[in-house]
């Protein structure tokens, strides 16, 4: 996500069955610590899953991240290289967040982005019904416990990804002037 002269990076821990965002972090670097922080928060608040799935980003293949999972006795699963379909639920979350919040607001700084994204995640979890969930919200499904959510070791799949929200051209308030097209002369 373009902010002033830089970018912010976002990580989320999502329960795959309920689509609930269990924890998230925003960072101005791609260091593994913000990913581990979100992981540790989700584990502390929601318990330990049997399996934890990520993409193959450097943060998730790092010894720090995989060591945190291994120390908790959680099996590690990783998506196939370049296979966005393997993590379609988190990709859909990113799309919704970008088009329903980030692109509309064009946050001026990290503090504003953190507050705005936090409000959107709260809305997404508690007030936004999902057709695929029988028009219930992710937290309604989570609380019902009917889907094999995060702490249920019988049927558990979770999804973590980071994304650099870097589509500056889609931001209507982007301060950069549009690029000029070069003409071809034969």
Protein backbone atom coordinates (compact mmCIF):
# COMPACT_ATOMS: atom_id res chain seq x y z
CA UNK A 1 0.00 0.00 0.00
CA UNK A 2 1.67 3.25 -1.05
CA UNK A 3 2.04 5.69 1.83
CA UNK A 4 3.90 8.92 1.22
CA UNK A 5 7.33 7.85 0.01
CA UNK A 6 7.11 4.18 0.90
CA UNK A 7 4.95 1.09 1.27
CA UNK A 8 3.33 -0.78 4.12
CA UNK A 9 3.03 -4.55 4.27
CA UNK A 10 0.11 -6.45 5.73
CA UNK A 11 -0.12 -9.94 7.18
CA UNK A 12 -3.28 -11.67 8.38
CA UNK A 13 -4.01 -14.94 10.11
CA UNK A 14 -7.31 -16.25 8.81
CA UNK A 15 -9.37 -19.24 9.84
CA UNK A 16 -10.04 -20.90 6.54
CA UNK A 17 -13.35 -22.48 7.53
CA UNK A 18 -15.04 -19.38 8.99
CA UNK A 19 -13.03 -16.78 7.00
CA UNK A 20 -12.50 -14.92 10.31
CA UNK A 21 -9.39 -12.73 10.52
CA UNK A 22 -7.88 -13.88 13.82
CA UNK A 23 -4.94 -11.47 13.88
CA UNK A 24 -3.24 -9.00 11.57
CA UNK A 25 -0.23 -6.69 11.55
CA UNK A 26 0.97 -3.80 9.44
CA UNK A 27 4.68 -3.04 8.95
CA UNK A 28 6.89 -0.70 7.00
CA UNK A 29 9.46 -3.48 6.46
CA UNK A 30 9.17 -7.06 5.25
CA UNK A 31 10.96 -8.34 8.34
CA UNK A 32 9.61 -11.60 9.76
CA UNK A 33 8.86 -10.10 13.19
CA UNK A 34 5.48 -8.63 12.26
CA UNK A 35 4.40 -11.98 10.81
CA UNK A 36 5.49 -13.83 13.95
CA UNK A 37 3.66 -11.22 16.04
CA UNK A 38 0.39 -11.90 14.22
CA UNK A 39 0.94 -15.65 14.52
CA UNK A 40 1.63 -15.44 18.26
CA UNK A 41 -1.44 -13.27 18.83
CA UNK A 42 -3.69 -15.71 16.96
CA UNK A 43 -2.28 -18.66 18.92
CA UNK A 44 -2.70 -16.86 22.25
CA UNK A 45 -6.26 -15.71 21.55
CA UNK A 46 -7.67 -18.65 19.58
CA UNK A 47 -5.61 -21.71 20.40
CA UNK A 48 -3.40 -24.02 18.42
CA UNK A 49 -4.44 -25.47 15.06
CA UNK A 50 -3.32 -28.86 13.85
CA UNK A 51 -2.07 -27.48 10.51
CA UNK A 52 -0.95 -24.00 9.52
CA UNK A 53 -0.83 -23.08 5.82
CA UNK A 54 1.14 -20.24 4.22
CA UNK A 55 2.51 -19.23 0.88
CA UNK A 56 6.26 -19.57 0.22
CA UNK A 57 7.18 -15.98 1.07
CA UNK A 58 10.55 -15.50 2.73
CA UNK A 59 8.91 -14.54 6.03
CA UNK A 60 7.01 -17.83 6.18
CA UNK A 61 9.91 -20.05 5.15
CA UNK A 62 12.26 -18.38 7.63
CA UNK A 63 13.64 -20.34 10.58
CA UNK A 64 11.99 -17.86 12.96
CA UNK A 65 8.47 -18.36 11.59
CA UNK A 66 8.67 -22.12 11.00
CA UNK A 67 10.43 -22.51 14.36
CA UNK A 68 7.52 -20.78 16.11
CA UNK A 69 5.10 -23.23 14.50
CA UNK A 70 7.31 -26.25 15.21
CA UNK A 71 7.80 -25.22 18.86
CA UNK A 72 4.01 -25.13 19.25
CA UNK A 73 3.69 -28.60 17.69
CA UNK A 74 1.82 -27.32 14.62
CA UNK A 75 2.25 -29.04 11.27
CA UNK A 76 3.40 -26.75 8.47
CA UNK A 77 1.78 -26.66 5.04
CA UNK A 78 2.86 -24.42 2.18
CA UNK A 79 1.15 -23.59 -1.08
CA UNK A 80 2.63 -24.55 -4.41
CA UNK A 81 4.93 -21.92 -5.86
CA UNK A 82 2.91 -19.26 -7.68
CA UNK A 83 -0.40 -21.01 -7.01
CA UNK A 84 -2.73 -18.23 -5.91
CA UNK A 85 -5.67 -20.63 -6.08
CA UNK A 86 -4.18 -22.59 -3.15
CA UNK A 87 -4.93 -19.60 -0.93
CA UNK A 88 -8.05 -18.23 -2.58
CA UNK A 89 -9.73 -17.18 0.70
CA UNK A 90 -6.96 -14.84 1.76
CA UNK A 91 -6.63 -13.52 -1.80
CA UNK A 92 -10.35 -12.70 -1.70
CA UNK A 93 -9.83 -10.96 1.65
CA UNK A 94 -7.06 -8.83 0.14
CA UNK A 95 -9.26 -7.93 -2.82
CA UNK A 96 -12.17 -6.92 -0.60
CA UNK A 97 -9.93 -4.88 1.70
CA UNK A 98 -8.29 -3.07 -1.21
CA UNK A 99 -11.48 -2.22 -3.10
CA UNK A 100 -13.75 -1.57 -0.11
CA UNK A 101 -11.27 0.43 1.97
CA UNK A 102 -7.70 1.13 0.88
CA UNK A 103 -8.27 2.34 -2.69
CA UNK A 104 -11.20 4.50 -1.58
CA UNK A 105 -9.39 6.22 1.27
CA UNK A 106 -5.79 6.63 0.11
CA UNK A 107 -4.31 6.70 3.61
CA UNK A 108 -1.82 9.49 4.31
CA UNK A 109 0.36 7.58 6.78
CA UNK A 110 0.79 4.36 8.74
CA UNK A 111 -1.23 5.54 11.74
CA UNK A 112 -4.19 6.39 9.54
CA UNK A 113 -3.86 3.08 7.65
CA UNK A 114 -3.68 1.05 10.88
CA UNK A 115 -6.84 2.68 12.26
CA UNK A 116 -8.74 2.39 8.98
CA UNK A 117 -7.76 -1.22 8.31
CA UNK A 118 -8.57 -2.10 11.93
CA UNK A 119 -12.06 -0.66 11.52
CA UNK A 120 -12.55 -2.52 8.24
CA UNK A 121 -11.38 -5.85 9.72
CA UNK A 122 -13.79 -5.38 12.66
CA UNK A 123 -16.60 -4.73 10.17
CA UNK A 124 -15.56 -7.71 8.02
CA UNK A 125 -15.47 -10.10 10.99
CA UNK A 126 -18.59 -8.97 12.84
CA UNK A 127 -21.00 -7.27 10.44
CA UNK A 128 -20.29 -8.39 6.86
CA UNK A 129 -22.32 -11.51 5.97
CA UNK A 130 -20.85 -13.99 3.49
CA UNK A 131 -23.03 -15.87 1.06
CA UNK A 132 -20.71 -18.90 1.27
CA UNK A 133 -21.26 -18.95 5.06
CA UNK A 134 -25.06 -19.03 4.81
CA UNK A 135 -25.21 -15.23 5.06
CA UNK A 136 -23.56 -15.32 8.47
CA UNK A 137 -20.53 -13.26 9.44
CA UNK A 138 -17.14 -14.90 9.94
CA UNK A 139 -17.32 -14.45 13.72
CA UNK A 140 -20.85 -15.91 13.88
CA UNK A 141 -19.53 -19.02 12.14
CA UNK A 142 -16.43 -19.02 14.38
CA UNK A 143 -18.52 -18.80 17.56
CA UNK A 144 -20.96 -21.48 16.33
CA UNK A 145 -17.98 -23.79 15.98
CA UNK A 146 -19.74 -25.66 13.18
CA UNK A 147 -16.93 -25.45 10.66
CA UNK A 148 -13.87 -26.96 12.28
CA UNK A 149 -12.38 -23.58 13.02
CA UNK A 150 -8.86 -22.61 14.12
CA UNK A 151 -8.69 -24.41 17.46
CA UNK A 152 -10.44 -27.59 16.29
CA UNK A 153 -7.76 -30.16 15.54
CA UNK A 154 -10.15 -32.46 13.69
CA UNK A 155 -10.78 -30.25 10.66
CA UNK A 156 -8.51 -27.26 10.56
CA UNK A 157 -6.97 -25.28 7.78
CA UNK A 158 -5.60 -21.80 8.27
CA UNK A 159 -4.15 -19.38 5.88
CA UNK A 160 -1.56 -16.71 6.32
CA UNK A 161 -0.21 -14.42 3.68
CA UNK A 162 1.43 -11.14 3.40
CA UNK A 163 0.85 -8.79 0.60
CA UNK A 164 2.41 -5.59 -0.47
CA UNK A 165 -0.51 -3.39 -1.31
CA UNK A 166 1.29 -1.65 -4.13
CA UNK A 167 -1.25 -0.90 -6.82
CA UNK A 168 -0.69 2.86 -6.72
CA UNK A 169 -2.42 3.38 -10.05
CA UNK A 170 -5.72 2.22 -8.59
CA UNK A 171 -5.65 4.85 -5.85
CA UNK A 172 -7.81 7.81 -6.86
CA UNK A 173 -5.91 10.07 -4.45
CA UNK A 174 -2.45 8.96 -5.54
CA UNK A 175 -0.21 12.06 -5.49
CA UNK A 176 1.91 10.89 -8.42
CA UNK A 177 1.08 12.34 -11.82
CA UNK A 178 -0.04 9.86 -14.48
CA UNK A 179 2.72 8.46 -16.64
CA UNK A 180 3.00 9.82 -20.15
CA UNK A 181 2.64 7.37 -23.02
CA UNK A 182 5.62 7.23 -25.35
CA UNK A 183 4.77 7.53 -29.01
CA UNK A 184 6.36 5.13 -31.44
CA UNK A 185 7.95 6.68 -34.52
CA UNK A 186 8.60 4.37 -37.45
